[in-house]
């Protein structure tokens, strides 16, 4: 399971794990925040030391994300972010970065919405200001711990595969009307080029 990490030297560490090549949104993100963010790329099967798991080895991207206090989760080819779910599944604080196509978040408008202290949502144009603020005296280790505790409260019931299946089951059993599920219907995701 994920552990709560304290920021070192009073500064919050912000990271992005992934490939930048051939992805205009990620390249733009890198240019905007390379002074504040640690970037890393690992192969999908690269293993690293990780004392938080049995056997002491884990996929490097997972270990790297857990070592950071905050992880960037930019939109992809479609205006959603698989990395957003990866971060929340392991108890990491995400920054969901979106473009002109808009924001499409899981569980929008519910207690499990990222806006409710589980992370941050920002357009690409505002990312640099957010990373500057996250590394200022206004945000620190106590904020990281508070946010991770809130993520862990919803992780098992909303962001793991089992939690998503549970939410879907409740949604379909009620015909989409039962407030016991935090799944909400939304408008269709618009098509268009990323970061266009």
N, C-alpha and C. Protein backbone atom coordinates (compact mmCIF):
# COMPACT_ATOMS: atom_id res chain seq x y z
N UNK A 1 0.82 -1.20 0.00
CA UNK A 1 0.00 0.00 0.00
C UNK A 1 0.86 1.26 0.00
N UNK A 2 0.26 2.33 -0.40
CA UNK A 2 0.98 3.61 -0.44
C UNK A 2 1.27 4.10 0.96
N UNK A 3 2.36 4.83 1.09
CA UNK A 3 2.75 5.41 2.38
C UNK A 3 2.63 6.92 2.27
N UNK A 4 2.48 7.57 3.40
CA UNK A 4 2.50 9.03 3.42
C UNK A 4 3.94 9.47 3.48
N UNK A 5 4.33 10.34 2.57
CA UNK A 5 5.71 10.84 2.52
C UNK A 5 5.73 12.31 2.92
N UNK A 6 6.71 12.70 3.68
CA UNK A 6 6.90 14.11 4.01
C UNK A 6 7.81 14.73 2.97
N UNK A 7 7.50 15.95 2.58
CA UNK A 7 8.37 16.66 1.64
C UNK A 7 9.70 16.93 2.31
N UNK A 8 10.78 16.84 1.55
CA UNK A 8 12.10 17.07 2.10
C UNK A 8 12.47 18.55 2.01
N UNK A 9 13.21 19.01 2.98
CA UNK A 9 13.68 20.40 3.03
C UNK A 9 12.54 21.42 2.95
N UNK A 10 11.35 21.03 3.37
CA UNK A 10 10.23 21.95 3.37
C UNK A 10 9.67 22.24 1.99
N UNK A 11 10.25 21.69 0.94
CA UNK A 11 9.76 21.93 -0.42
C UNK A 11 9.04 20.70 -0.93
N UNK A 12 8.02 20.93 -1.69
CA UNK A 12 7.24 19.85 -2.27
C UNK A 12 7.93 19.40 -3.56
N UNK A 13 8.04 18.08 -3.75
CA UNK A 13 8.60 17.57 -4.99
C UNK A 13 7.47 17.25 -5.96
N UNK A 14 7.63 17.71 -7.19
CA UNK A 14 6.63 17.52 -8.24
C UNK A 14 7.31 16.70 -9.34
N UNK A 15 6.61 15.68 -9.84
CA UNK A 15 7.23 14.80 -10.83
C UNK A 15 6.27 14.48 -11.97
N UNK A 16 6.89 14.06 -13.07
CA UNK A 16 6.14 13.49 -14.19
C UNK A 16 6.94 12.29 -14.68
N UNK A 17 6.28 11.14 -14.74
CA UNK A 17 6.89 9.94 -15.27
C UNK A 17 6.22 9.64 -16.60
N UNK A 18 7.01 9.61 -17.65
CA UNK A 18 6.44 9.28 -18.96
C UNK A 18 7.29 9.81 -20.09
N UNK A 19 6.90 9.43 -21.28
CA UNK A 19 7.60 9.81 -22.50
C UNK A 19 7.14 11.19 -22.96
N UNK A 20 8.07 12.02 -23.38
CA UNK A 20 7.74 13.34 -23.92
C UNK A 20 7.72 13.35 -25.44
N UNK A 21 8.45 12.42 -26.04
CA UNK A 21 8.64 12.42 -27.50
C UNK A 21 7.32 12.22 -28.24
N UNK A 22 7.08 13.07 -29.23
CA UNK A 22 5.92 12.94 -30.10
C UNK A 22 4.59 13.27 -29.45
N UNK A 23 4.62 13.88 -28.31
CA UNK A 23 3.38 14.22 -27.59
C UNK A 23 3.38 15.73 -27.32
N UNK A 24 2.71 16.49 -28.16
CA UNK A 24 2.79 17.95 -28.05
C UNK A 24 2.34 18.50 -26.70
N UNK A 25 1.32 17.92 -26.10
CA UNK A 25 0.86 18.41 -24.79
C UNK A 25 1.96 18.24 -23.74
N UNK A 26 2.59 17.08 -23.75
CA UNK A 26 3.65 16.81 -22.78
C UNK A 26 4.88 17.68 -23.03
N UNK A 27 5.20 17.91 -24.29
CA UNK A 27 6.34 18.79 -24.60
C UNK A 27 6.06 20.21 -24.12
N UNK A 28 4.85 20.70 -24.35
CA UNK A 28 4.47 22.04 -23.86
C UNK A 28 4.55 22.10 -22.33
N UNK A 29 4.08 21.05 -21.69
CA UNK A 29 4.12 20.97 -20.23
C UNK A 29 5.57 21.02 -19.74
N UNK A 30 6.43 20.25 -20.39
CA UNK A 30 7.85 20.21 -20.01
C UNK A 30 8.48 21.59 -20.14
N UNK A 31 8.23 22.28 -21.23
CA UNK A 31 8.80 23.62 -21.43
C UNK A 31 8.32 24.60 -20.36
N UNK A 32 7.07 24.47 -19.96
CA UNK A 32 6.50 25.42 -19.00
C UNK A 32 7.02 25.23 -17.58
N UNK A 33 7.31 23.99 -17.21
CA UNK A 33 7.60 23.74 -15.79
C UNK A 33 8.90 22.98 -15.53
N UNK A 34 9.79 22.91 -16.49
CA UNK A 34 11.01 22.12 -16.28
C UNK A 34 11.86 22.65 -15.12
N UNK A 35 11.67 23.90 -14.72
CA UNK A 35 12.41 24.44 -13.58
C UNK A 35 11.88 23.94 -12.24
N UNK A 36 10.64 23.44 -12.20
CA UNK A 36 10.00 23.02 -10.95
C UNK A 36 9.73 21.52 -10.86
N UNK A 37 9.83 20.81 -11.96
CA UNK A 37 9.35 19.43 -12.02
C UNK A 37 10.49 18.49 -12.39
N UNK A 38 10.51 17.33 -11.75
CA UNK A 38 11.47 16.28 -12.08
C UNK A 38 10.81 15.38 -13.11
N UNK A 39 11.46 15.19 -14.25
CA UNK A 39 10.92 14.34 -15.31
C UNK A 39 11.72 13.05 -15.37
N UNK A 40 11.04 11.92 -15.58
CA UNK A 40 11.71 10.64 -15.70
C UNK A 40 10.96 9.75 -16.69
N UNK A 41 11.70 8.87 -17.32
CA UNK A 41 11.10 7.91 -18.25
C UNK A 41 11.68 6.54 -17.93
N UNK A 42 10.78 5.57 -17.76
CA UNK A 42 11.18 4.19 -17.50
C UNK A 42 10.47 3.29 -18.49
N UNK A 43 11.09 2.14 -18.77
CA UNK A 43 10.42 1.13 -19.58
C UNK A 43 9.25 0.55 -18.80
N UNK A 44 8.24 0.03 -19.47
CA UNK A 44 7.05 -0.47 -18.77
C UNK A 44 7.32 -1.64 -17.82
N UNK A 45 8.46 -2.32 -17.99
CA UNK A 45 8.76 -3.46 -17.12
C UNK A 45 10.03 -3.25 -16.30
N UNK A 46 10.59 -2.05 -16.29
CA UNK A 46 11.78 -1.77 -15.49
C UNK A 46 11.45 -1.89 -14.01
N UNK A 47 12.29 -2.61 -13.25
CA UNK A 47 12.07 -2.80 -11.83
C UNK A 47 13.08 -2.00 -11.02
N UNK A 48 12.61 -1.45 -9.89
CA UNK A 48 13.45 -0.67 -8.98
C UNK A 48 13.18 -1.13 -7.55
N UNK A 49 14.09 -0.80 -6.67
CA UNK A 49 13.92 -1.11 -5.26
C UNK A 49 12.75 -0.31 -4.70
N UNK A 50 11.87 -0.98 -3.95
CA UNK A 50 10.72 -0.32 -3.35
C UNK A 50 10.36 -1.07 -2.07
N UNK A 51 10.80 -0.56 -0.91
CA UNK A 51 10.54 -1.27 0.35
C UNK A 51 9.07 -1.29 0.76
N UNK A 52 8.19 -0.55 0.05
CA UNK A 52 6.78 -0.52 0.44
C UNK A 52 5.99 -1.71 -0.09
N UNK A 53 6.64 -2.59 -0.88
CA UNK A 53 5.92 -3.73 -1.43
C UNK A 53 6.61 -5.03 -1.02
N UNK A 54 5.85 -6.14 -0.92
CA UNK A 54 6.49 -7.43 -0.61
C UNK A 54 7.53 -7.77 -1.67
N UNK A 55 8.65 -8.25 -1.25
CA UNK A 55 9.71 -8.60 -2.18
C UNK A 55 10.66 -7.46 -2.47
N UNK A 56 10.27 -6.23 -2.11
CA UNK A 56 11.16 -5.08 -2.24
C UNK A 56 11.41 -4.56 -3.64
N UNK A 57 10.70 -5.08 -4.65
CA UNK A 57 10.85 -4.60 -6.02
C UNK A 57 9.49 -4.19 -6.58
N UNK A 58 9.49 -3.12 -7.35
CA UNK A 58 8.26 -2.66 -8.00
C UNK A 58 8.61 -2.03 -9.33
N UNK A 59 7.62 -1.81 -10.14
CA UNK A 59 7.85 -1.11 -11.39
C UNK A 59 8.42 0.28 -11.09
N UNK A 60 9.44 0.67 -11.82
CA UNK A 60 10.13 1.94 -11.53
C UNK A 60 9.21 3.14 -11.60
N UNK A 61 8.28 3.18 -12.57
CA UNK A 61 7.40 4.35 -12.67
C UNK A 61 6.58 4.50 -11.40
N UNK A 62 6.15 3.38 -10.82
CA UNK A 62 5.35 3.42 -9.60
C UNK A 62 6.19 3.96 -8.44
N UNK A 63 7.39 3.44 -8.29
CA UNK A 63 8.27 3.88 -7.21
C UNK A 63 8.59 5.37 -7.33
N UNK A 64 8.87 5.80 -8.55
CA UNK A 64 9.20 7.21 -8.78
C UNK A 64 8.02 8.11 -8.42
N UNK A 65 6.80 7.71 -8.84
CA UNK A 65 5.62 8.51 -8.51
C UNK A 65 5.42 8.60 -7.00
N UNK A 66 5.64 7.49 -6.30
CA UNK A 66 5.45 7.50 -4.85
C UNK A 66 6.50 8.33 -4.12
N UNK A 67 7.69 8.46 -4.69
CA UNK A 67 8.72 9.27 -4.05
C UNK A 67 8.42 10.76 -4.17
N UNK A 68 7.67 11.14 -5.18
CA UNK A 68 7.29 12.54 -5.35
C UNK A 68 6.08 12.85 -4.48
N UNK A 69 5.93 14.10 -4.11
CA UNK A 69 4.76 14.52 -3.34
C UNK A 69 3.55 14.71 -4.25
N UNK A 70 3.81 15.20 -5.46
CA UNK A 70 2.74 15.53 -6.41
C UNK A 70 3.16 15.03 -7.78
N UNK A 71 2.19 14.50 -8.54
CA UNK A 71 2.47 13.97 -9.87
C UNK A 71 1.59 14.64 -10.92
N UNK A 72 2.23 15.05 -12.02
CA UNK A 72 1.49 15.64 -13.13
C UNK A 72 0.74 14.55 -13.88
N UNK A 73 -0.50 14.81 -14.22
CA UNK A 73 -1.35 13.87 -14.94
C UNK A 73 -2.00 14.62 -16.11
N UNK A 74 -1.24 14.83 -17.19
CA UNK A 74 -1.79 15.58 -18.33
C UNK A 74 -2.78 14.75 -19.13
N UNK A 75 -3.66 15.43 -19.84
CA UNK A 75 -4.58 14.76 -20.74
C UNK A 75 -3.77 14.10 -21.84
N UNK A 76 -4.39 13.21 -22.55
CA UNK A 76 -3.70 12.50 -23.62
C UNK A 76 -4.31 12.80 -24.97
N UNK A 77 -4.30 11.79 -25.83
CA UNK A 77 -4.89 11.93 -27.16
C UNK A 77 -6.35 12.31 -27.04
N UNK A 78 -7.02 11.75 -26.05
CA UNK A 78 -8.38 12.14 -25.71
C UNK A 78 -8.30 12.95 -24.42
N UNK A 79 -9.27 13.81 -24.15
CA UNK A 79 -9.15 14.71 -23.00
C UNK A 79 -9.44 14.04 -21.65
N UNK A 80 -8.82 12.91 -21.44
CA UNK A 80 -8.88 12.22 -20.15
C UNK A 80 -7.45 11.82 -19.80
N UNK A 81 -7.24 11.38 -18.58
CA UNK A 81 -5.88 11.05 -18.15
C UNK A 81 -5.86 9.72 -17.40
N UNK A 82 -5.26 8.72 -18.02
CA UNK A 82 -5.07 7.43 -17.36
C UNK A 82 -4.16 7.61 -16.15
N UNK A 83 -3.18 8.48 -16.28
CA UNK A 83 -2.23 8.73 -15.19
C UNK A 83 -2.93 9.30 -13.95
N UNK A 84 -4.02 10.03 -14.15
CA UNK A 84 -4.80 10.53 -13.02
C UNK A 84 -5.27 9.36 -12.16
N UNK A 85 -5.80 8.31 -12.80
CA UNK A 85 -6.24 7.13 -12.06
C UNK A 85 -5.05 6.40 -11.43
N UNK A 86 -3.93 6.29 -12.15
CA UNK A 86 -2.75 5.64 -11.59
C UNK A 86 -2.30 6.33 -10.31
N UNK A 87 -2.28 7.66 -10.34
CA UNK A 87 -1.85 8.41 -9.16
C UNK A 87 -2.82 8.18 -7.99
N UNK A 88 -4.11 8.31 -8.24
CA UNK A 88 -5.09 8.15 -7.17
C UNK A 88 -5.13 6.72 -6.64
N UNK A 89 -4.92 5.72 -7.52
CA UNK A 89 -4.92 4.33 -7.07
C UNK A 89 -3.81 4.06 -6.05
N UNK A 90 -2.70 4.75 -6.18
CA UNK A 90 -1.60 4.48 -5.23
C UNK A 90 -1.49 5.54 -4.14
N UNK A 91 -2.43 6.45 -4.08
CA UNK A 91 -2.42 7.43 -3.01
C UNK A 91 -1.56 8.65 -3.29
N UNK A 92 -1.21 8.89 -4.54
CA UNK A 92 -0.40 10.06 -4.91
C UNK A 92 -1.30 11.25 -5.25
N UNK A 93 -0.80 12.44 -5.00
CA UNK A 93 -1.56 13.65 -5.31
C UNK A 93 -1.36 14.01 -6.78
N UNK A 94 -2.45 14.04 -7.56
CA UNK A 94 -2.31 14.37 -8.97
C UNK A 94 -2.57 15.85 -9.25
N UNK A 95 -1.93 16.32 -10.32
CA UNK A 95 -2.28 17.61 -10.92
C UNK A 95 -2.78 17.25 -12.32
N UNK A 96 -4.09 17.33 -12.50
CA UNK A 96 -4.68 17.03 -13.82
C UNK A 96 -4.55 18.28 -14.68
N UNK A 97 -3.84 18.14 -15.79
CA UNK A 97 -3.56 19.27 -16.68
C UNK A 97 -4.38 19.07 -17.96
N UNK A 98 -5.18 20.06 -18.32
CA UNK A 98 -6.07 19.91 -19.47
C UNK A 98 -5.83 20.99 -20.51
N UNK A 99 -6.42 20.80 -21.70
CA UNK A 99 -6.27 21.75 -22.80
C UNK A 99 -7.63 22.35 -23.17
N UNK A 100 -7.74 22.88 -24.38
CA UNK A 100 -8.94 23.59 -24.82
C UNK A 100 -10.17 22.67 -24.94
N UNK A 101 -9.98 21.37 -24.90
CA UNK A 101 -11.13 20.45 -25.00
C UNK A 101 -11.90 20.36 -23.68
N UNK A 102 -11.33 20.87 -22.61
CA UNK A 102 -12.05 20.90 -21.33
C UNK A 102 -11.59 19.86 -20.34
N UNK A 103 -12.27 19.84 -19.21
CA UNK A 103 -11.94 18.96 -18.10
C UNK A 103 -13.00 17.87 -18.01
N UNK A 104 -12.55 16.64 -17.97
CA UNK A 104 -13.44 15.50 -17.80
C UNK A 104 -12.88 14.66 -16.67
N UNK A 105 -13.50 14.76 -15.51
CA UNK A 105 -12.99 14.13 -14.30
C UNK A 105 -13.90 13.01 -13.81
N UNK A 106 -13.32 11.98 -13.23
CA UNK A 106 -14.16 10.95 -12.63
C UNK A 106 -14.88 11.50 -11.40
N UNK A 107 -16.11 11.10 -11.23
CA UNK A 107 -16.90 11.43 -10.05
C UNK A 107 -17.11 12.93 -9.85
N UNK A 108 -17.18 13.68 -10.94
CA UNK A 108 -17.37 15.14 -10.86
C UNK A 108 -18.62 15.48 -10.05
N UNK A 109 -18.47 16.45 -9.16
CA UNK A 109 -19.59 16.93 -8.36
C UNK A 109 -19.91 16.07 -7.14
N UNK A 110 -19.08 15.09 -6.82
CA UNK A 110 -19.30 14.25 -5.65
C UNK A 110 -18.16 14.47 -4.65
N UNK A 111 -18.24 13.83 -3.50
CA UNK A 111 -17.17 13.95 -2.52
C UNK A 111 -15.85 13.38 -3.04
N UNK A 112 -15.91 12.45 -4.00
CA UNK A 112 -14.71 11.83 -4.55
C UNK A 112 -14.14 12.62 -5.74
N UNK A 113 -14.70 13.78 -6.01
CA UNK A 113 -14.21 14.66 -7.08
C UNK A 113 -12.83 15.20 -6.68
N UNK A 114 -11.90 15.21 -7.60
CA UNK A 114 -10.54 15.70 -7.35
C UNK A 114 -10.53 17.13 -6.79
N UNK A 115 -11.54 17.93 -7.15
CA UNK A 115 -11.63 19.31 -6.64
C UNK A 115 -11.82 19.38 -5.13
N UNK A 116 -12.22 18.28 -4.51
CA UNK A 116 -12.50 18.26 -3.07
C UNK A 116 -11.29 17.83 -2.24
N UNK A 117 -10.13 18.37 -2.57
CA UNK A 117 -8.94 18.13 -1.77
C UNK A 117 -8.17 16.88 -2.12
N UNK A 118 -8.48 16.26 -3.27
CA UNK A 118 -7.76 15.06 -3.69
C UNK A 118 -6.63 15.38 -4.66
N UNK A 119 -6.58 16.59 -5.16
CA UNK A 119 -5.56 16.97 -6.13
C UNK A 119 -5.84 18.35 -6.69
N UNK A 120 -5.28 18.61 -7.85
CA UNK A 120 -5.41 19.92 -8.48
C UNK A 120 -5.80 19.74 -9.95
N UNK A 121 -6.52 20.71 -10.47
CA UNK A 121 -6.94 20.72 -11.87
C UNK A 121 -6.56 22.08 -12.43
N UNK A 122 -5.84 22.07 -13.57
CA UNK A 122 -5.32 23.34 -14.10
C UNK A 122 -5.20 23.23 -15.63
N UNK A 123 -5.48 24.33 -16.34
CA UNK A 123 -5.19 24.32 -17.78
C UNK A 123 -3.68 24.40 -18.00
N UNK A 124 -3.23 23.97 -19.17
CA UNK A 124 -1.80 24.04 -19.47
C UNK A 124 -1.26 25.45 -19.22
N UNK A 125 -2.04 26.48 -19.59
CA UNK A 125 -1.59 27.86 -19.44
C UNK A 125 -1.35 28.26 -17.99
N UNK A 126 -1.98 27.58 -17.03
CA UNK A 126 -1.84 27.93 -15.62
C UNK A 126 -0.90 27.01 -14.85
N UNK A 127 -0.29 26.06 -15.54
CA UNK A 127 0.54 25.07 -14.85
C UNK A 127 1.76 25.68 -14.17
N UNK A 128 2.43 26.58 -14.84
CA UNK A 128 3.64 27.16 -14.23
C UNK A 128 3.29 27.90 -12.94
N UNK A 129 2.23 28.68 -12.95
CA UNK A 129 1.83 29.39 -11.73
C UNK A 129 1.50 28.42 -10.60
N UNK A 130 0.83 27.32 -10.94
CA UNK A 130 0.49 26.34 -9.91
C UNK A 130 1.74 25.69 -9.34
N UNK A 131 2.69 25.28 -10.18
CA UNK A 131 3.90 24.65 -9.65
C UNK A 131 4.73 25.63 -8.82
N UNK A 132 4.74 26.89 -9.22
CA UNK A 132 5.42 27.91 -8.40
C UNK A 132 4.77 28.00 -7.02
N UNK A 133 3.43 28.03 -6.99
CA UNK A 133 2.70 28.12 -5.73
C UNK A 133 2.93 26.88 -4.87
N UNK A 134 2.92 25.69 -5.50
CA UNK A 134 3.12 24.44 -4.75
C UNK A 134 4.49 24.39 -4.09
N UNK A 135 5.47 25.08 -4.66
CA UNK A 135 6.81 25.08 -4.08
C UNK A 135 7.09 26.33 -3.25
N UNK A 136 6.05 27.08 -2.96
CA UNK A 136 6.21 28.27 -2.12
C UNK A 136 5.91 27.90 -0.66
N UNK A 137 6.01 28.88 0.21
CA UNK A 137 5.70 28.66 1.62
C UNK A 137 4.21 28.45 1.87
N UNK A 138 3.37 28.74 0.87
CA UNK A 138 1.92 28.61 1.03
C UNK A 138 1.46 27.16 1.04
N UNK A 139 2.28 26.24 0.54
CA UNK A 139 1.92 24.83 0.46
C UNK A 139 3.12 24.02 0.94
N UNK A 140 2.88 23.06 1.83
CA UNK A 140 4.02 22.33 2.38
C UNK A 140 3.70 20.91 2.78
N UNK A 141 4.57 20.31 3.58
CA UNK A 141 4.44 18.90 3.97
C UNK A 141 3.12 18.57 4.66
N UNK A 142 2.61 19.46 5.49
CA UNK A 142 1.33 19.18 6.16
C UNK A 142 0.19 19.11 5.16
N UNK A 143 0.25 19.94 4.11
CA UNK A 143 -0.77 19.89 3.06
C UNK A 143 -0.69 18.58 2.29
N UNK A 144 0.52 18.12 2.02
CA UNK A 144 0.72 16.85 1.31
C UNK A 144 0.10 15.71 2.12
N UNK A 145 0.38 15.65 3.40
CA UNK A 145 -0.16 14.60 4.26
C UNK A 145 -1.68 14.65 4.30
N UNK A 146 -2.24 15.84 4.47
CA UNK A 146 -3.70 16.00 4.52
C UNK A 146 -4.35 15.51 3.23
N UNK A 147 -3.78 15.88 2.10
CA UNK A 147 -4.37 15.49 0.81
C UNK A 147 -4.22 13.99 0.58
N UNK A 148 -3.09 13.41 0.93
CA UNK A 148 -2.93 11.97 0.75
C UNK A 148 -3.89 11.18 1.64
N UNK A 149 -4.12 11.67 2.84
CA UNK A 149 -5.09 11.00 3.72
C UNK A 149 -6.48 11.02 3.09
N UNK A 150 -6.84 12.13 2.47
CA UNK A 150 -8.16 12.22 1.82
C UNK A 150 -8.23 11.29 0.61
N UNK A 151 -7.16 11.21 -0.16
CA UNK A 151 -7.13 10.29 -1.31
C UNK A 151 -7.31 8.85 -0.82
N UNK A 152 -6.61 8.49 0.24
CA UNK A 152 -6.70 7.12 0.76
C UNK A 152 -8.11 6.80 1.24
N UNK A 153 -8.85 7.80 1.69
CA UNK A 153 -10.23 7.60 2.13
C UNK A 153 -11.10 7.10 0.97
N UNK A 154 -10.83 7.55 -0.25
CA UNK A 154 -11.66 7.20 -1.42
C UNK A 154 -11.00 6.18 -2.35
N UNK A 155 -9.75 5.90 -2.14
CA UNK A 155 -9.02 5.04 -3.09
C UNK A 155 -9.71 3.70 -3.32
N UNK A 156 -9.96 2.94 -2.26
CA UNK A 156 -10.49 1.59 -2.43
C UNK A 156 -11.92 1.56 -2.97
N UNK A 157 -12.71 2.57 -2.68
CA UNK A 157 -14.12 2.57 -3.12
C UNK A 157 -14.36 3.29 -4.44
N UNK A 158 -13.33 3.98 -4.98
CA UNK A 158 -13.54 4.75 -6.19
C UNK A 158 -12.45 4.61 -7.25
N UNK A 159 -11.21 4.37 -6.86
CA UNK A 159 -10.11 4.47 -7.82
C UNK A 159 -9.35 3.17 -8.10
N UNK A 160 -9.64 2.11 -7.37
CA UNK A 160 -9.08 0.80 -7.73
C UNK A 160 -10.03 0.15 -8.71
N UNK A 161 -9.58 -0.90 -9.38
CA UNK A 161 -10.46 -1.62 -10.32
C UNK A 161 -11.71 -2.12 -9.59
N UNK A 162 -11.53 -2.67 -8.41
CA UNK A 162 -12.66 -3.17 -7.63
C UNK A 162 -13.62 -2.03 -7.24
N UNK A 163 -13.06 -0.89 -6.87
CA UNK A 163 -13.90 0.25 -6.51
C UNK A 163 -14.71 0.79 -7.68
N UNK A 164 -14.10 0.85 -8.85
CA UNK A 164 -14.81 1.32 -10.04
C UNK A 164 -15.93 0.35 -10.38
N UNK A 165 -15.66 -0.96 -10.30
CA UNK A 165 -16.70 -1.96 -10.57
C UNK A 165 -17.85 -1.80 -9.58
N UNK A 166 -17.54 -1.56 -8.32
CA UNK A 166 -18.58 -1.34 -7.31
C UNK A 166 -19.43 -0.12 -7.65
N UNK A 167 -18.77 0.98 -8.04
CA UNK A 167 -19.52 2.19 -8.41
C UNK A 167 -20.40 1.93 -9.64
N UNK A 168 -19.87 1.22 -10.63
CA UNK A 168 -20.66 0.88 -11.82
C UNK A 168 -21.84 -0.02 -11.47
N UNK A 169 -21.61 -0.99 -10.62
CA UNK A 169 -22.69 -1.89 -10.21
C UNK A 169 -23.83 -1.11 -9.56
N UNK A 170 -23.49 -0.24 -8.63
CA UNK A 170 -24.51 0.58 -7.97
C UNK A 170 -25.25 1.47 -8.97
N UNK A 171 -24.50 2.03 -9.92
CA UNK A 171 -25.08 2.91 -10.93
C UNK A 171 -26.09 2.15 -11.80
N UNK A 172 -25.69 0.98 -12.31
CA UNK A 172 -26.56 0.23 -13.21
C UNK A 172 -27.73 -0.42 -12.48
N UNK A 173 -27.52 -0.86 -11.26
CA UNK A 173 -28.62 -1.47 -10.50
C UNK A 173 -29.72 -0.45 -10.21
N UNK A 174 -29.35 0.81 -10.11
CA UNK A 174 -30.35 1.84 -9.81
C UNK A 174 -30.87 2.53 -11.06
N UNK A 175 -30.43 2.08 -12.23
CA UNK A 175 -30.86 2.75 -13.47
C UNK A 175 -30.23 4.13 -13.61
N UNK A 176 -29.15 4.36 -12.92
CA UNK A 176 -28.45 5.64 -13.00
C UNK A 176 -29.05 6.72 -12.12
N UNK A 177 -30.00 6.35 -11.29
CA UNK A 177 -30.69 7.36 -10.46
C UNK A 177 -30.30 7.32 -8.99
N UNK A 178 -29.65 6.28 -8.56
CA UNK A 178 -29.34 6.09 -7.15
C UNK A 178 -28.13 6.92 -6.74
N UNK A 179 -28.27 7.69 -5.72
CA UNK A 179 -27.17 8.53 -5.24
C UNK A 179 -26.13 7.72 -4.48
N UNK A 180 -26.31 6.39 -4.36
CA UNK A 180 -25.31 5.56 -3.69
C UNK A 180 -24.07 5.39 -4.56
N UNK A 181 -24.21 5.62 -5.85
CA UNK A 181 -23.06 5.58 -6.76
C UNK A 181 -22.61 7.02 -7.03
N UNK A 182 -21.31 7.20 -7.13
CA UNK A 182 -20.78 8.53 -7.45
C UNK A 182 -20.51 8.72 -8.93
N UNK A 183 -20.94 7.77 -9.75
CA UNK A 183 -20.80 7.93 -11.19
C UNK A 183 -21.90 8.86 -11.67
N UNK A 184 -21.53 9.78 -12.54
CA UNK A 184 -22.48 10.74 -13.10
C UNK A 184 -22.38 10.70 -14.62
N UNK A 185 -23.52 10.85 -15.27
CA UNK A 185 -23.51 10.96 -16.72
C UNK A 185 -22.99 12.34 -17.09
N UNK A 186 -22.33 12.42 -18.22
CA UNK A 186 -21.81 13.73 -18.64
C UNK A 186 -21.96 13.87 -20.15
N UNK A 187 -21.63 15.02 -20.65
CA UNK A 187 -21.71 15.27 -22.08
C UNK A 187 -20.62 14.48 -22.79
N UNK A 188 -20.81 14.28 -24.07
CA UNK A 188 -19.82 13.56 -24.86
C UNK A 188 -18.49 14.32 -24.86
N UNK A 189 -17.42 13.57 -24.86
CA UNK A 189 -16.09 14.17 -24.91
C UNK A 189 -15.84 14.68 -26.32
N UNK A 190 -15.49 15.95 -26.46
CA UNK A 190 -15.28 16.51 -27.79
C UNK A 190 -14.04 15.95 -28.46
N UNK A 191 -14.12 15.84 -29.76
CA UNK A 191 -12.97 15.41 -30.55
C UNK A 191 -12.15 16.64 -30.92
N UNK A 192 -10.97 16.44 -31.35
CA UNK A 192 -10.11 17.54 -31.77
C UNK A 192 -8.68 17.23 -31.44
N UNK A 193 -7.76 17.98 -32.03
CA UNK A 193 -6.35 17.72 -31.76
C UNK A 193 -5.98 18.13 -30.34
N UNK A 194 -5.13 17.32 -29.68
CA UNK A 194 -4.69 17.70 -28.34
C UNK A 194 -3.83 18.96 -28.37
N UNK A 195 -4.02 19.80 -27.39
CA UNK A 195 -3.25 21.04 -27.25
C UNK A 195 -3.32 21.90 -28.52
N UNK A 196 -4.47 21.84 -29.19
CA UNK A 196 -4.62 22.57 -30.45
C UNK A 196 -4.89 24.03 -30.29
